[in-house]
Amino acid sequence: MIIPKQINSYCPTCKKHGAHKVKVTTSKIKPGRTLAWGSRRHERKLRGYHGKVKGKAKVKKQGIRNKIMLECLTCKKKHERVISGRMKKKAEASK
């Protein structure tokens, strides 16, 4: 999937449509928060307190999402956009 180096898009910070510089990025699923209540409870159970705990389930891996980083040329702020759901072909900027 070939993407031009510059596209016209909406900028949420300056609230206008205008030219944006494009940089291709990909994102993987990030690990959960270690201080979340559920993960702390799970760790406590794994250490031996309370009863038996279910282990980690085998999960079918999801594909990586094609994302582009858009940089507004007027206000210089950056924001991300997903261009296709799950990756079939990796996005690349045109030369």
C-alpha atoms as a PDB file:
ATOM      1  CA  MET A   1       0.000   0.000   0.000  1.00  0.00           C
ATOM      2  CA  ILE A   2       1.651   3.197  -1.197  1.00  0.00           C
ATOM      3  CA  ILE A   3       0.805   6.464   0.567  1.00  0.00           C
ATOM      4  CA  PRO A   4       1.822   9.958  -0.644  1.00  0.00           C
ATOM      5  CA  LYS A   5       4.316  11.947   1.450  1.00  0.00           C
ATOM      6  CA  GLN A   6       1.807  14.767   1.970  1.00  0.00           C
ATOM      7  CA  ILE A   7      -1.985  14.594   2.269  1.00  0.00           C
ATOM      8  CA  ASN A   8      -4.774  17.043   3.035  1.00  0.00           C
ATOM      9  CA  SER A   9      -6.453  16.061   6.290  1.00  0.00           C
ATOM     10  CA  TYR A  10      -8.276  17.464   9.336  1.00  0.00           C
ATOM     11  CA  CYS A  11      -6.155  18.652  12.251  1.00  0.00           C
ATOM     12  CA  PRO A  12      -7.944  18.345  15.630  1.00  0.00           C
ATOM     13  CA  THR A  13      -5.687  20.903  17.355  1.00  0.00           C
ATOM     14  CA  CYS A  14      -6.089  23.824  14.935  1.00  0.00           C
ATOM     15  CA  LYS A  15      -9.547  22.514  13.852  1.00  0.00           C
ATOM     16  CA  LYS A  16      -8.941  23.065  10.131  1.00  0.00           C
ATOM     17  CA  HIS A  17      -8.295  21.021   7.029  1.00  0.00           C
ATOM     18  CA  GLY A  18      -4.807  21.417   5.599  1.00  0.00           C
ATOM     19  CA  ALA A  19      -1.621  19.770   4.395  1.00  0.00           C
ATOM     20  CA  HIS A  20      -0.068  17.089   6.622  1.00  0.00           C
ATOM     21  CA  LYS A  21       3.323  15.416   6.378  1.00  0.00           C
ATOM     22  CA  VAL A  22       3.030  11.592   6.492  1.00  0.00           C
ATOM     23  CA  LYS A  23       5.244   9.099   8.342  1.00  0.00           C
ATOM     24  CA  VAL A  24       4.396   5.373   8.311  1.00  0.00           C
ATOM     25  CA  THR A  25       4.288   3.572  11.680  1.00  0.00           C
ATOM     26  CA  THR A  26       2.942   0.220  12.821  1.00  0.00           C
ATOM     27  CA  SER A  27       1.561  -0.630  16.224  1.00  0.00           C
ATOM     28  CA  LYS A  28       1.569  -3.838  18.197  1.00  0.00           C
ATOM     29  CA  ILE A  29      -0.736  -4.607  21.102  1.00  0.00           C
ATOM     30  CA  LYS A  30       0.746  -3.099  24.234  1.00  0.00           C
ATOM     31  CA  PRO A  31       0.962  -5.056  27.493  1.00  0.00           C
ATOM     32  CA  GLY A  32      -1.629  -4.374  30.176  1.00  0.00           C
ATOM     33  CA  ARG A  33      -1.108  -2.037  33.118  1.00  0.00           C
ATOM     34  CA  THR A  34       0.816  -3.737  35.925  1.00  0.00           C
ATOM     35  CA  LEU A  35      -0.878  -1.665  38.642  1.00  0.00           C
ATOM     36  CA  ALA A  36      -4.419  -2.435  37.441  1.00  0.00           C
ATOM     37  CA  TRP A  37      -6.588  -4.155  40.052  1.00  0.00           C
ATOM     38  CA  GLY A  38      -7.134  -7.348  38.063  1.00  0.00           C
ATOM     39  CA  SER A  39      -3.461  -7.891  37.288  1.00  0.00           C
ATOM     40  CA  ARG A  40      -2.467  -7.240  40.927  1.00  0.00           C
ATOM     41  CA  ARG A  41      -5.062  -9.784  42.097  1.00  0.00           C
ATOM     42  CA  HIS A  42      -3.770 -12.294  39.536  1.00  0.00           C
ATOM     43  CA  GLU A  43      -0.161 -11.810  40.700  1.00  0.00           C
ATOM     44  CA  ARG A  44      -1.253 -12.253  44.338  1.00  0.00           C
ATOM     45  CA  LYS A  45      -2.919 -15.537  43.483  1.00  0.00           C
ATOM     46  CA  LEU A  46       0.121 -16.726  41.528  1.00  0.00           C
ATOM     47  CA  ARG A  47       2.299 -16.067  44.592  1.00  0.00           C
ATOM     48  CA  GLY A  48       0.273 -18.608  46.545  1.00  0.00           C
ATOM     49  CA  TYR A  49      -2.411 -16.709  48.431  1.00  0.00           C
ATOM     50  CA  HIS A  50      -6.013 -17.960  48.023  1.00  0.00           C
ATOM     51  CA  GLY A  51      -7.009 -20.881  45.813  1.00  0.00           C
ATOM     52  CA  LYS A  52      -5.921 -22.191  42.455  1.00  0.00           C
ATOM     53  CA  VAL A  53      -5.664 -19.701  39.610  1.00  0.00           C
ATOM     54  CA  LYS A  54      -6.165 -20.214  35.919  1.00  0.00           C
ATOM     55  CA  GLY A  55      -3.026 -19.680  33.835  1.00  0.00           C
ATOM     56  CA  LYS A  56      -2.682 -17.516  30.756  1.00  0.00           C
ATOM     57  CA  ALA A  57      -4.969 -18.599  27.923  1.00  0.00           C
ATOM     58  CA  LYS A  58      -3.596 -19.389  24.486  1.00  0.00           C
ATOM     59  CA  VAL A  59      -4.706 -16.470  22.345  1.00  0.00           C
ATOM     60  CA  LYS A  60      -4.784 -16.338  18.565  1.00  0.00           C
ATOM     61  CA  LYS A  61      -2.370 -13.609  17.522  1.00  0.00           C
ATOM     62  CA  GLN A  62      -3.870 -10.578  15.861  1.00  0.00           C
ATOM     63  CA  GLY A  63      -2.254  -8.834  12.944  1.00  0.00           C
ATOM     64  CA  ILE A  64      -0.508  -5.506  13.269  1.00  0.00           C
ATOM     65  CA  ARG A  65      -2.471  -2.397  12.300  1.00  0.00           C
ATOM     66  CA  ASN A  66      -1.255  -0.073   9.564  1.00  0.00           C
ATOM     67  CA  LYS A  67      -0.941   3.401  11.060  1.00  0.00           C
ATOM     68  CA  ILE A  68       0.329   6.678   9.715  1.00  0.00           C
ATOM     69  CA  MET A  69       1.592   9.603  11.766  1.00  0.00           C
ATOM     70  CA  LEU A  70       0.274  12.902  10.421  1.00  0.00           C
ATOM     71  CA  GLU A  71       2.131  16.127  11.223  1.00  0.00           C
ATOM     72  CA  CYS A  72       0.209  19.347  10.588  1.00  0.00           C
ATOM     73  CA  LEU A  73       2.291  21.825   8.616  1.00  0.00           C
ATOM     74  CA  THR A  74       0.629  24.887  10.219  1.00  0.00           C
ATOM     75  CA  CYS A  75       0.667  24.029  13.947  1.00  0.00           C
ATOM     76  CA  LYS A  76       3.376  21.259  13.859  1.00  0.00           C
ATOM     77  CA  LYS A  77       1.260  18.922  16.050  1.00  0.00           C
ATOM     78  CA  LYS A  78       1.194  15.171  15.359  1.00  0.00           C
ATOM     79  CA  HIS A  79      -1.687  12.713  15.435  1.00  0.00           C
ATOM     80  CA  GLU A  80      -2.156   9.104  14.341  1.00  0.00           C
ATOM     81  CA  ARG A  81      -4.567   7.541  11.893  1.00  0.00           C
ATOM     82  CA  VAL A  82      -5.288   3.879  11.153  1.00  0.00           C
ATOM     83  CA  ILE A  83      -5.459   3.472   7.388  1.00  0.00           C
ATOM     84  CA  SER A  84      -6.484  -0.179   7.120  1.00  0.00           C
ATOM     85  CA  GLY A  85      -7.707  -2.422   9.924  1.00  0.00           C
ATOM     86  CA  ARG A  86      -5.421  -5.439  10.187  1.00  0.00           C
ATOM     87  CA  MET A  87      -2.326  -5.476   8.040  1.00  0.00           C
ATOM     88  CA  LYS A  88      -2.355  -7.332   4.751  1.00  0.00           C
ATOM     89  CA  LYS A  89       0.313  -5.265   3.003  1.00  0.00           C
ATOM     90  CA  LYS A  90       2.600  -2.932   4.908  1.00  0.00           C
ATOM     91  CA  ALA A  91       2.119   0.748   4.108  1.00  0.00           C
ATOM     92  CA  GLU A  92       5.006   2.656   2.577  1.00  0.00           C
ATOM     93  CA  ALA A  93       5.481   6.317   1.690  1.00  0.00           C
ATOM     94  CA  SER A  94       5.900   7.142  -1.991  1.00  0.00           C
ATOM     95  CA  LYS A  95       9.296   8.287  -3.205  1.00  0.00           C
END
